[in-house]
C-alpha atoms as a PDB file:
ATOM      1  CA  MET A   1      95.917 112.656 101.935  1.00  0.00           C
ATOM      2  CA  GLU A   2      95.261 116.144 100.574  1.00  0.00           C
ATOM      3  CA  ILE A   3      92.517 118.704 100.035  1.00  0.00           C
ATOM      4  CA  ILE A   4      91.643 118.701  96.339  1.00  0.00           C
ATOM      5  CA  PRO A   5      90.008 121.976  95.199  1.00  0.00           C
ATOM      6  CA  LEU A   6      86.769 121.374  93.323  1.00  0.00           C
ATOM      7  CA  TYR A   7      84.654 124.503  92.917  1.00  0.00           C
ATOM      8  CA  GLY A   8      84.830 127.838  94.717  1.00  0.00           C
ATOM      9  CA  LYS A   9      85.559 127.212  98.391  1.00  0.00           C
ATOM     10  CA  THR A  10      84.491 123.575  98.141  1.00  0.00           C
ATOM     11  CA  GLY A  11      86.962 120.726  97.895  1.00  0.00           C
ATOM     12  CA  ILE A  12      87.209 117.022  98.601  1.00  0.00           C
ATOM     13  CA  ILE A  13      89.467 114.847 100.714  1.00  0.00           C
ATOM     14  CA  GLU A  14      89.973 111.323  99.412  1.00  0.00           C
ATOM     15  CA  THR A  15      90.398 108.683 102.103  1.00  0.00           C
ATOM     16  CA  PRO A  16      91.114 105.066 101.086  1.00  0.00           C
ATOM     17  CA  ILE A  17      87.395 104.185 101.035  1.00  0.00           C
ATOM     18  CA  THR A  18      85.310 107.367 101.125  1.00  0.00           C
ATOM     19  CA  THR A  19      85.330 110.934  99.853  1.00  0.00           C
ATOM     20  CA  VAL A  20      84.879 113.717 102.418  1.00  0.00           C
ATOM     21  CA  GLY A  21      83.503 117.066 101.299  1.00  0.00           C
ATOM     22  CA  ILE A  22      85.086 120.212 102.719  1.00  0.00           C
ATOM     23  CA  TYR A  23      83.950 123.837 102.566  1.00  0.00           C
ATOM     24  CA  ARG A  24      86.299 126.625 103.702  1.00  0.00           C
ATOM     25  CA  LEU A  25      84.062 128.653 105.971  1.00  0.00           C
ATOM     26  CA  SER A  26      86.749 131.245 106.666  1.00  0.00           C
ATOM     27  CA  ARG A  27      90.518 131.572 106.640  1.00  0.00           C
ATOM     28  CA  ASP A  28      90.845 129.137 109.548  1.00  0.00           C
ATOM     29  CA  GLN A  29      87.500 127.304 109.802  1.00  0.00           C
ATOM     30  CA  ALA A  30      86.005 124.515 107.697  1.00  0.00           C
ATOM     31  CA  VAL A  31      82.790 122.520 107.466  1.00  0.00           C
ATOM     32  CA  LEU A  32      83.053 118.839 106.520  1.00  0.00           C
ATOM     33  CA  ILE A  33      80.393 116.789 104.785  1.00  0.00           C
ATOM     34  CA  ASP A  34      80.854 113.416 106.558  1.00  0.00           C
ATOM     35  CA  SER A  35      84.203 112.621 108.159  1.00  0.00           C
ATOM     36  CA  GLY A  36      85.478 109.418 106.601  1.00  0.00           C
ATOM     37  CA  ASP A  37      85.601 105.656 106.792  1.00  0.00           C
ATOM     38  CA  TYR A  38      87.900 104.855 109.758  1.00  0.00           C
ATOM     39  CA  PRO A  39      89.459 106.913 112.568  1.00  0.00           C
ATOM     40  CA  ARG A  40      92.397 108.514 110.789  1.00  0.00           C
ATOM     41  CA  PRO A  41      94.813 110.796 112.698  1.00  0.00           C
ATOM     42  CA  GLU A  42      96.107 112.028 109.345  1.00  0.00           C
ATOM     43  CA  LEU A  43      92.796 113.875 108.778  1.00  0.00           C
ATOM     44  CA  PRO A  44      93.222 116.457 111.571  1.00  0.00           C
ATOM     45  CA  GLU A  45      96.941 116.581 110.761  1.00  0.00           C
ATOM     46  CA  LEU A  46      96.080 117.546 107.172  1.00  0.00           C
ATOM     47  CA  LEU A  47      93.614 120.194 108.312  1.00  0.00           C
ATOM     48  CA  GLU A  48      96.094 121.730 110.713  1.00  0.00           C
ATOM     49  CA  ARG A  49      98.798 121.871 108.035  1.00  0.00           C
ATOM     50  CA  GLU A  50      96.280 123.945 106.092  1.00  0.00           C
ATOM     51  CA  GLY A  51      95.633 126.115 109.148  1.00  0.00           C
ATOM     52  CA  LEU A  52      92.054 124.854 109.460  1.00  0.00           C
ATOM     53  CA  ALA A  53      89.924 123.806 112.407  1.00  0.00           C
ATOM     54  CA  VAL A  54      86.606 121.988 111.939  1.00  0.00           C
ATOM     55  CA  ARG A  55      83.642 124.151 112.866  1.00  0.00           C
ATOM     56  CA  ALA A  56      80.998 121.529 111.962  1.00  0.00           C
ATOM     57  CA  VAL A  57      80.347 118.187 110.292  1.00  0.00           C
ATOM     58  CA  ILE A  58      77.099 117.785 108.363  1.00  0.00           C
ATOM     59  CA  CYS A  59      76.438 114.049 108.090  1.00  0.00           C
ATOM     60  CA  THR A  60      74.656 112.661 105.050  1.00  0.00           C
ATOM     61  CA  HIS A  61      73.777 109.716 107.323  1.00  0.00           C
ATOM     62  CA  LEU A  62      75.163 107.956 110.378  1.00  0.00           C
ATOM     63  CA  HIS A  63      76.581 104.745 108.937  1.00  0.00           C
ATOM     64  CA  PRO A  64      79.941 104.043 110.548  1.00  0.00           C
ATOM     65  CA  ASP A  65      81.967 104.432 107.357  1.00  0.00           C
ATOM     66  CA  HIS A  66      80.853 108.077 107.171  1.00  0.00           C
ATOM     67  CA  ILE A  67      81.258 109.245 110.766  1.00  0.00           C
ATOM     68  CA  SER A  68      84.391 107.513 112.009  1.00  0.00           C
ATOM     69  CA  ASN A  69      86.323 110.718 112.674  1.00  0.00           C
ATOM     70  CA  ASN A  70      83.447 112.569 114.350  1.00  0.00           C
ATOM     71  CA  PRO A  71      84.534 111.729 117.938  1.00  0.00           C
ATOM     72  CA  ALA A  72      88.059 113.036 117.346  1.00  0.00           C
ATOM     73  CA  LEU A  73      86.777 116.197 115.644  1.00  0.00           C
ATOM     74  CA  VAL A  74      84.349 116.897 118.489  1.00  0.00           C
ATOM     75  CA  GLU A  75      87.074 116.381 121.072  1.00  0.00           C
ATOM     76  CA  ARG A  76      89.760 118.332 119.215  1.00  0.00           C
ATOM     77  CA  TYR A  77      87.780 121.280 117.842  1.00  0.00           C
ATOM     78  CA  GLY A  78      84.393 121.194 119.560  1.00  0.00           C
ATOM     79  CA  ALA A  79      82.896 120.538 116.113  1.00  0.00           C
ATOM     80  CA  GLU A  80      79.099 120.693 115.917  1.00  0.00           C
ATOM     81  CA  ILE A  81      77.605 117.549 114.391  1.00  0.00           C
ATOM     82  CA  PHE A  82      74.448 117.742 112.280  1.00  0.00           C
ATOM     83  CA  ALA A  83      72.337 114.743 111.173  1.00  0.00           C
ATOM     84  CA  HIS A  84      68.738 114.003 110.199  1.00  0.00           C
ATOM     85  CA  GLU A  85      66.496 113.014 113.102  1.00  0.00           C
ATOM     86  CA  ALA A  86      65.447 109.801 111.325  1.00  0.00           C
ATOM     87  CA  GLU A  87      69.033 108.564 111.671  1.00  0.00           C
ATOM     88  CA  ARG A  88      68.800 108.416 115.466  1.00  0.00           C
ATOM     89  CA  ASP A  89      67.067 105.027 115.754  1.00  0.00           C
ATOM     90  CA  SER A  90      68.478 103.702 112.482  1.00  0.00           C
ATOM     91  CA  ALA A  91      72.083 104.254 113.612  1.00  0.00           C
ATOM     92  CA  LYS A  92      71.409 102.716 117.020  1.00  0.00           C
ATOM     93  CA  ALA A  93      70.009  99.587 115.355  1.00  0.00           C
ATOM     94  CA  ILE A  94      73.058  99.242 113.094  1.00  0.00           C
ATOM     95  CA  PHE A  95      75.604  99.679 115.886  1.00  0.00           C
ATOM     96  CA  ASP A  96      73.641  97.290 118.138  1.00  0.00           C
ATOM     97  CA  MET A  97      73.612  94.695 115.353  1.00  0.00           C
ATOM     98  CA  LEU A  98      77.332  95.065 114.609  1.00  0.00           C
ATOM     99  CA  GLU A  99      78.151  94.653 118.304  1.00  0.00           C
ATOM    100  CA  SER A 100      75.918  91.608 118.705  1.00  0.00           C
ATOM    101  CA  MET A 101      77.465  89.947 115.651  1.00  0.00           C
ATOM    102  CA  GLY A 102      81.015  90.880 116.598  1.00  0.00           C
ATOM    103  CA  GLN A 103      81.569  92.402 113.160  1.00  0.00           C
ATOM    104  CA  TYR A 104      83.706  95.464 112.414  1.00  0.00           C
ATOM    105  CA  PRO A 105      85.025  96.048 115.958  1.00  0.00           C
ATOM    106  CA  GLN A 106      86.892  99.124 114.705  1.00  0.00           C
ATOM    107  CA  TRP A 107      83.510 100.715 113.934  1.00  0.00           C
ATOM    108  CA  THR A 108      81.635  99.683 117.075  1.00  0.00           C
ATOM    109  CA  LYS A 109      84.077 101.822 119.043  1.00  0.00           C
ATOM    110  CA  ILE A 110      82.879 105.012 117.328  1.00  0.00           C
ATOM    111  CA  ARG A 111      79.172 104.725 118.190  1.00  0.00           C
ATOM    112  CA  PRO A 112      77.748 108.297 118.299  1.00  0.00           C
ATOM    113  CA  MET A 113      77.974 109.328 121.970  1.00  0.00           C
ATOM    114  CA  TYR A 114      78.581 113.044 121.350  1.00  0.00           C
ATOM    115  CA  PRO A 115      75.927 115.792 121.079  1.00  0.00           C
ATOM    116  CA  ILE A 116      74.170 115.900 117.710  1.00  0.00           C
ATOM    117  CA  THR A 117      72.069 118.737 116.325  1.00  0.00           C
ATOM    118  CA  TRP A 118      69.127 116.884 114.781  1.00  0.00           C
ATOM    119  CA  LEU A 119      67.585 118.145 111.544  1.00  0.00           C
ATOM    120  CA  SER A 120      63.829 117.857 111.152  1.00  0.00           C
ATOM    121  CA  GLY A 121      62.169 115.870 108.390  1.00  0.00           C
ATOM    122  CA  GLY A 122      61.322 118.847 106.223  1.00  0.00           C
ATOM    123  CA  GLN A 123      64.329 121.008 106.996  1.00  0.00           C
ATOM    124  CA  GLU A 124      65.750 122.533 103.825  1.00  0.00           C
ATOM    125  CA  GLU A 125      68.790 124.404 105.101  1.00  0.00           C
ATOM    126  CA  VAL A 126      71.500 124.432 107.749  1.00  0.00           C
ATOM    127  CA  THR A 127      73.313 127.695 108.424  1.00  0.00           C
ATOM    128  CA  VAL A 128      76.809 127.587 109.904  1.00  0.00           C
ATOM    129  CA  ASP A 129      78.190 130.987 110.875  1.00  0.00           C
ATOM    130  CA  GLY A 130      76.071 132.649 108.203  1.00  0.00           C
ATOM    131  CA  ALA A 131      76.936 130.150 105.426  1.00  0.00           C
ATOM    132  CA  PRO A 132      73.823 128.350 104.060  1.00  0.00           C
ATOM    133  CA  PHE A 133      73.989 124.636 103.248  1.00  0.00           C
ATOM    134  CA  ARG A 134      70.952 123.341 101.377  1.00  0.00           C
ATOM    135  CA  ILE A 135      69.501 120.017 102.576  1.00  0.00           C
ATOM    136  CA  ILE A 136      67.857 117.635 100.089  1.00  0.00           C
ATOM    137  CA  GLN A 137      65.917 114.735 101.579  1.00  0.00           C
ATOM    138  CA  THR A 138      67.247 111.565  99.924  1.00  0.00           C
ATOM    139  CA  PRO A 139      66.032 108.554 101.971  1.00  0.00           C
ATOM    140  CA  GLY A 140      66.673 105.063 100.655  1.00  0.00           C
ATOM    141  CA  HIS A 141      70.222 104.082 101.504  1.00  0.00           C
ATOM    142  CA  SER A 142      69.188 104.943 105.061  1.00  0.00           C
ATOM    143  CA  PHE A 143      65.910 106.304 106.389  1.00  0.00           C
ATOM    144  CA  GLY A 144      67.301 109.740 107.235  1.00  0.00           C
ATOM    145  CA  HIS A 145      69.768 110.100 104.382  1.00  0.00           C
ATOM    146  CA  ILE A 146      70.296 113.634 103.077  1.00  0.00           C
ATOM    147  CA  ALA A 147      72.312 115.270 100.323  1.00  0.00           C
ATOM    148  CA  VAL A 148      74.119 118.463 101.323  1.00  0.00           C
ATOM    149  CA  VAL A 149      74.707 121.370  98.933  1.00  0.00           C
ATOM    150  CA  THR A 150      77.555 123.705  99.877  1.00  0.00           C
ATOM    151  CA  PRO A 151      77.182 127.485  99.464  1.00  0.00           C
ATOM    152  CA  ASP A 152      79.130 127.096  96.184  1.00  0.00           C
ATOM    153  CA  GLY A 153      76.461 124.782  94.791  1.00  0.00           C
ATOM    154  CA  VAL A 154      78.402 121.518  95.075  1.00  0.00           C
ATOM    155  CA  CYS A 155      76.003 118.681  95.908  1.00  0.00           C
ATOM    156  CA  CYS A 156      77.457 116.067  98.278  1.00  0.00           C
ATOM    157  CA  LEU A 157      75.368 112.948  97.690  1.00  0.00           C
ATOM    158  CA  GLY A 158      76.719 110.649 100.385  1.00  0.00           C
ATOM    159  CA  ASP A 159      75.455 107.186  99.452  1.00  0.00           C
ATOM    160  CA  ALA A 160      72.290 108.319  97.660  1.00  0.00           C
ATOM    161  CA  MET A 161      74.100 107.221  94.502  1.00  0.00           C
ATOM    162  CA  MET A 162      77.432 105.791  93.394  1.00  0.00           C
ATOM    163  CA  SER A 163      79.703 107.111  90.673  1.00  0.00           C
ATOM    164  CA  VAL A 164      79.227 105.350  87.332  1.00  0.00           C
ATOM    165  CA  PRO A 165      82.378 103.195  87.565  1.00  0.00           C
ATOM    166  CA  ARG A 166      81.512 102.123  91.119  1.00  0.00           C
ATOM    167  CA  VAL A 167      77.870 101.269  90.489  1.00  0.00           C
ATOM    168  CA  ARG A 168      78.794  99.238  87.405  1.00  0.00           C
ATOM    169  CA  GLN A 169      81.074  97.130  89.612  1.00  0.00           C
ATOM    170  CA  ALA A 170      78.635  96.820  92.508  1.00  0.00           C
ATOM    171  CA  LYS A 171      77.059  93.420  93.091  1.00  0.00           C
ATOM    172  CA  LEU A 172      74.514  94.414  95.726  1.00  0.00           C
ATOM    173  CA  PRO A 173      74.453  98.094  96.769  1.00  0.00           C
ATOM    174  CA  TYR A 174      73.197  98.553 100.324  1.00  0.00           C
ATOM    175  CA  MET A 175      69.737 100.114 100.547  1.00  0.00           C
ATOM    176  CA  GLU A 176      67.336 100.281 103.471  1.00  0.00           C
ATOM    177  CA  ASP A 177      64.483 100.879 101.018  1.00  0.00           C
ATOM    178  CA  ALA A 178      65.160 100.400  97.300  1.00  0.00           C
ATOM    179  CA  ASP A 179      61.909 102.087  96.247  1.00  0.00           C
ATOM    180  CA  GLN A 180      62.694 105.214  98.250  1.00  0.00           C
ATOM    181  CA  ALA A 181      66.247 105.153  96.924  1.00  0.00           C
ATOM    182  CA  ILE A 182      65.031 105.294  93.311  1.00  0.00           C
ATOM    183  CA  GLU A 183      62.657 108.153  94.163  1.00  0.00           C
ATOM    184  CA  SER A 184      65.592 110.041  95.713  1.00  0.00           C
ATOM    185  CA  MET A 185      67.752 109.433  92.636  1.00  0.00           C
ATOM    186  CA  GLU A 186      65.012 110.874  90.447  1.00  0.00           C
ATOM    187  CA  ARG A 187      64.777 113.880  92.782  1.00  0.00           C
ATOM    188  CA  ILE A 188      68.493 114.515  92.286  1.00  0.00           C
ATOM    189  CA  ARG A 189      68.052 114.188  88.513  1.00  0.00           C
ATOM    190  CA  GLU A 190      65.916 117.340  88.583  1.00  0.00           C
ATOM    191  CA  THR A 191      68.667 119.463  90.150  1.00  0.00           C
ATOM    192  CA  GLN A 192      71.257 121.607  88.374  1.00  0.00           C
ATOM    193  CA  TYR A 193      74.503 121.829  90.328  1.00  0.00           C
ATOM    194  CA  PRO A 194      77.981 122.122  88.817  1.00  0.00           C
ATOM    195  CA  PHE A 195      79.302 119.032  90.658  1.00  0.00           C
ATOM    196  CA  TYR A 196      77.933 115.998  92.497  1.00  0.00           C
ATOM    197  CA  VAL A 197      80.274 114.349  95.020  1.00  0.00           C
ATOM    198  CA  THR A 198      79.646 110.664  95.674  1.00  0.00           C
ATOM    199  CA  ALA A 199      80.923 109.328  98.973  1.00  0.00           C
ATOM    200  CA  HIS A 200      82.605 106.260  97.555  1.00  0.00           C
ATOM    201  CA  LYS A 201      84.915 108.061  95.189  1.00  0.00           C
ATOM    202  CA  GLY A 202      84.424 110.739  92.653  1.00  0.00           C
ATOM    203  CA  ALA A 203      82.992 114.100  91.703  1.00  0.00           C
ATOM    204  CA  THR A 204      80.599 114.011  88.749  1.00  0.00           C
ATOM    205  CA  PRO A 205      79.987 117.175  86.681  1.00  0.00           C
ATOM    206  CA  LEU A 206      76.455 118.276  85.819  1.00  0.00           C
ATOM    207  CA  GLU A 207      76.767 117.137  82.206  1.00  0.00           C
ATOM    208  CA  ALA A 208      77.280 113.537  83.408  1.00  0.00           C
ATOM    209  CA  LEU A 209      74.438 113.579  85.975  1.00  0.00           C
ATOM    210  CA  GLU A 210      71.871 111.920  83.666  1.00  0.00           C
ATOM    211  CA  LEU A 211      74.163 108.966  83.046  1.00  0.00           C
ATOM    212  CA  MET A 212      74.910 108.566  86.756  1.00  0.00           C
ATOM    213  CA  VAL A 213      71.213 108.553  87.672  1.00  0.00           C
ATOM    214  CA  ASP A 214      70.377 106.187  84.817  1.00  0.00           C
ATOM    215  CA  GLU A 215      73.059 103.689  85.844  1.00  0.00           C
ATOM    216  CA  ASN A 216      72.108 103.744  89.533  1.00  0.00           C
ATOM    217  CA  VAL A 217      68.405 103.293  88.762  1.00  0.00           C
ATOM    218  CA  ARG A 218      69.225 100.523  86.263  1.00  0.00           C
ATOM    219  CA  VAL A 219      71.178  98.549  88.856  1.00  0.00           C
ATOM    220  CA  GLU A 220      68.366  98.775  91.409  1.00  0.00           C
ATOM    221  CA  LEU A 221      65.727  97.705  88.890  1.00  0.00           C
ATOM    222  CA  GLU A 222      67.876  94.833  87.627  1.00  0.00           C
ATOM    223  CA  LEU A 223      68.318  93.548  91.179  1.00  0.00           C
ATOM    224  CA  TYR A 224      64.557  93.794  91.665  1.00  0.00           C
ATOM    225  CA  ASP A 225      63.965  91.768  88.473  1.00  0.00           C
ATOM    226  CA  ARG A 226      66.659  89.195  89.300  1.00  0.00           C
ATOM    227  CA  PHE A 227      65.103  88.525  92.691  1.00  0.00           C
ATOM    228  CA  LEU A 228      61.671  88.102  91.148  1.00  0.00           C
ATOM    229  CA  ARG A 229      62.912  85.778  88.395  1.00  0.00           C
ATOM    230  CA  MET A 230      64.735  83.690  90.985  1.00  0.00           C
ATOM    231  CA  MET A 231      61.497  83.025  92.879  1.00  0.00           C
ATOM    232  CA  ASP A 232      60.410  80.122  90.678  1.00  0.00           C
ATOM    233  CA  HIS A 233      59.203  78.131  93.678  1.00  0.00           C
ATOM    234  CA  PRO A 234      58.200  78.885  97.298  1.00  0.00           C
ATOM    235  CA  ARG A 235      61.012  79.509  99.772  1.00  0.00           C
ATOM    236  CA  SER A 236      61.338  80.440 103.405  1.00  0.00           C
ATOM    237  CA  GLU A 237      62.557  83.996 104.010  1.00  0.00           C
ATOM    238  CA  GLU A 238      65.985  82.676 105.025  1.00  0.00           C
ATOM    239  CA  GLU A 239      66.244  80.546 101.869  1.00  0.00           C
ATOM    240  CA  ALA A 240      65.120  83.420  99.646  1.00  0.00           C
ATOM    241  CA  ILE A 241      67.760  85.746 101.081  1.00  0.00           C
ATOM    242  CA  ARG A 242      70.513  83.124 100.850  1.00  0.00           C
ATOM    243  CA  ASP A 243      69.602  82.197  97.287  1.00  0.00           C
ATOM    244  CA  PHE A 244      69.579  85.849  96.241  1.00  0.00           C
ATOM    245  CA  LEU A 245      73.042  86.320  97.743  1.00  0.00           C
ATOM    246  CA  VAL A 246      74.193  83.318  95.695  1.00  0.00           C
ATOM    247  CA  GLU A 247      72.501  84.821  92.618  1.00  0.00           C
ATOM    248  CA  THR A 248      74.365  88.125  93.055  1.00  0.00           C
ATOM    249  CA  GLY A 249      77.708  86.482  93.831  1.00  0.00           C
ATOM    250  CA  THR A 250      77.846  87.870  97.372  1.00  0.00           C
ATOM    251  CA  TRP A 251      77.329  84.584  99.242  1.00  0.00           C
ATOM    252  CA  LYS A 252      80.349  83.009 100.879  1.00  0.00           C
ATOM    253  CA  GLY A 253      80.442  79.239 101.225  1.00  0.00           C
ATOM    254  CA  ASP A 254      80.838  79.460 105.004  1.00  0.00           C
ATOM    255  CA  GLY A 255      77.833  81.772 105.267  1.00  0.00           C
ATOM    256  CA  GLN A 256      79.905  84.508 106.915  1.00  0.00           C
ATOM    257  CA  VAL A 257      78.526  87.463 104.985  1.00  0.00           C
ATOM    258  CA  SER A 258      78.417  90.914 106.530  1.00  0.00           C
ATOM    259  CA  TRP A 259      75.225  92.222 108.062  1.00  0.00           C
ATOM    260  CA  PHE A 260      75.140  95.017 105.464  1.00  0.00           C
ATOM    261  CA  VAL A 261      75.166  92.508 102.602  1.00  0.00           C
ATOM    262  CA  SER A 262      72.518  90.193 104.063  1.00  0.00           C
ATOM    263  CA  HIS A 263      70.346  93.171 105.018  1.00  0.00           C
ATOM    264  CA  SER A 264      70.537  94.479 101.437  1.00  0.00           C
ATOM    265  CA  ALA A 265      69.061  91.197 100.240  1.00  0.00           C
ATOM    266  CA  GLU A 266      66.378  91.395 102.915  1.00  0.00           C
ATOM    267  CA  THR A 267      65.377  94.911 101.827  1.00  0.00           C
ATOM    268  CA  GLN A 268      65.061  93.744  98.207  1.00  0.00           C
ATOM    269  CA  LEU A 269      62.722  91.018  99.434  1.00  0.00           C
ATOM    270  CA  MET A 270      60.627  93.506 101.408  1.00  0.00           C
ATOM    271  CA  SER A 271      60.437  95.889  98.413  1.00  0.00           C
ATOM    272  CA  LEU A 272      58.926  93.094  96.317  1.00  0.00           C
ATOM    273  CA  ILE A 273      56.458  92.236  99.077  1.00  0.00           C
ATOM    274  CA  ARG A 274      55.377  95.890  99.407  1.00  0.00           C
ATOM    275  CA  ALA A 275      54.911  96.031  95.626  1.00  0.00           C
ATOM    276  CA  GLY A 276      52.700  92.929  95.730  1.00  0.00           C
ATOM    277  CA  GLU A 277      55.086  90.918  93.520  1.00  0.00           C
ATOM    278  CA  LEU A 278      55.843  88.498  96.381  1.00  0.00           C
ATOM    279  CA  LYS A 279      53.439  87.207  99.023  1.00  0.00           C
ATOM    280  CA  TRP A 280      53.698  85.534 102.432  1.00  0.00           C
ATOM    281  CA  HIS A 281      51.667  82.356 102.949  1.00  0.00           C
ATOM    282  CA  ASP A 282      52.063  79.815 105.763  1.00  0.00           C
ATOM    283  CA  GLY A 283      55.540  81.045 106.598  1.00  0.00           C
ATOM    284  CA  MET A 284      56.733  80.803 102.995  1.00  0.00           C
ATOM    285  CA  VAL A 285      57.445  83.407 100.330  1.00  0.00           C
ATOM    286  CA  TYR A 286      55.735  82.941  96.965  1.00  0.00           C
ATOM    287  CA  ALA A 287      55.752  84.872  93.730  1.00  0.00           C
ATOM    288  CA  ALA A 288      52.288  86.389  93.348  1.00  0.00           C
ATOM    289  CA  ARG A 289      51.968  84.745  89.912  1.00  0.00           C
ATOM    290  CA  GLN A 290      52.388  81.317  91.574  1.00  0.00           C
ATOM    291  CA  MET A 291      49.633  81.982  94.093  1.00  0.00           C
ATOM    292  CA  SER A 292      47.274  83.227  91.382  1.00  0.00           C
ATOM    293  CA  ARG A 293      47.804  79.975  89.442  1.00  0.00           C
ATOM    294  CA  ALA A 294      47.165  77.992  92.618  1.00  0.00           C
END
């Protein structure tokens, strides 16, 4: 594990699953954008080899694979934790669900129990010891998801988008609201920053931003269309979700799929219902075209 310089005082730290953004606030203080996928003692060890303490962590969202080192950083450095206020209930629901299902026990142990400085819905900036970090509202992957722009102009996207290689491999990206996610991607398209850091590997330069947005939007729209094409006859909600998981290659024969995967299918279903493409009737889900023929 190492700090990889990126632009100005901004760098990245690659963990096995996620990319952590880091901004050198001063000679011996740093601000992190998210804190990584699992509790990793090598993270503070790396920082201390560099002579750095963590002044703050600005969280793009509160999913467990982005905040796993927060408790250790709060305890070790007194780090201030920032997150969007809409993440409060969303994170509680996710951790409650993981605990009830007995999934990912390594994550249920890092439920946010430390003080958090909550950002308001329209807040556009966080200042840490005089350094301004721009906040861009990017809901979709989660309801309170934000992108964070360091004072150098490096945009840390969290899970608002994936890098091009990752999204091309993805079978069913997790989204709380696919429609909002696409709107957020288009919002990012209009920006002009030298680099865009995606949480699940990679830093994309400005000249490749259009391609990254195009590919992420394409994947979401293709999933939307695949779900709709699949609905050639009425199904219960449970059947529709299961069949879509089979369609995307994410269903396991024993039915033991993760909550994140099954919930992604559920949110695709709800997006189609909100758009009027699918309808509820007598406890069944129909394609609107089927009901109009009936």
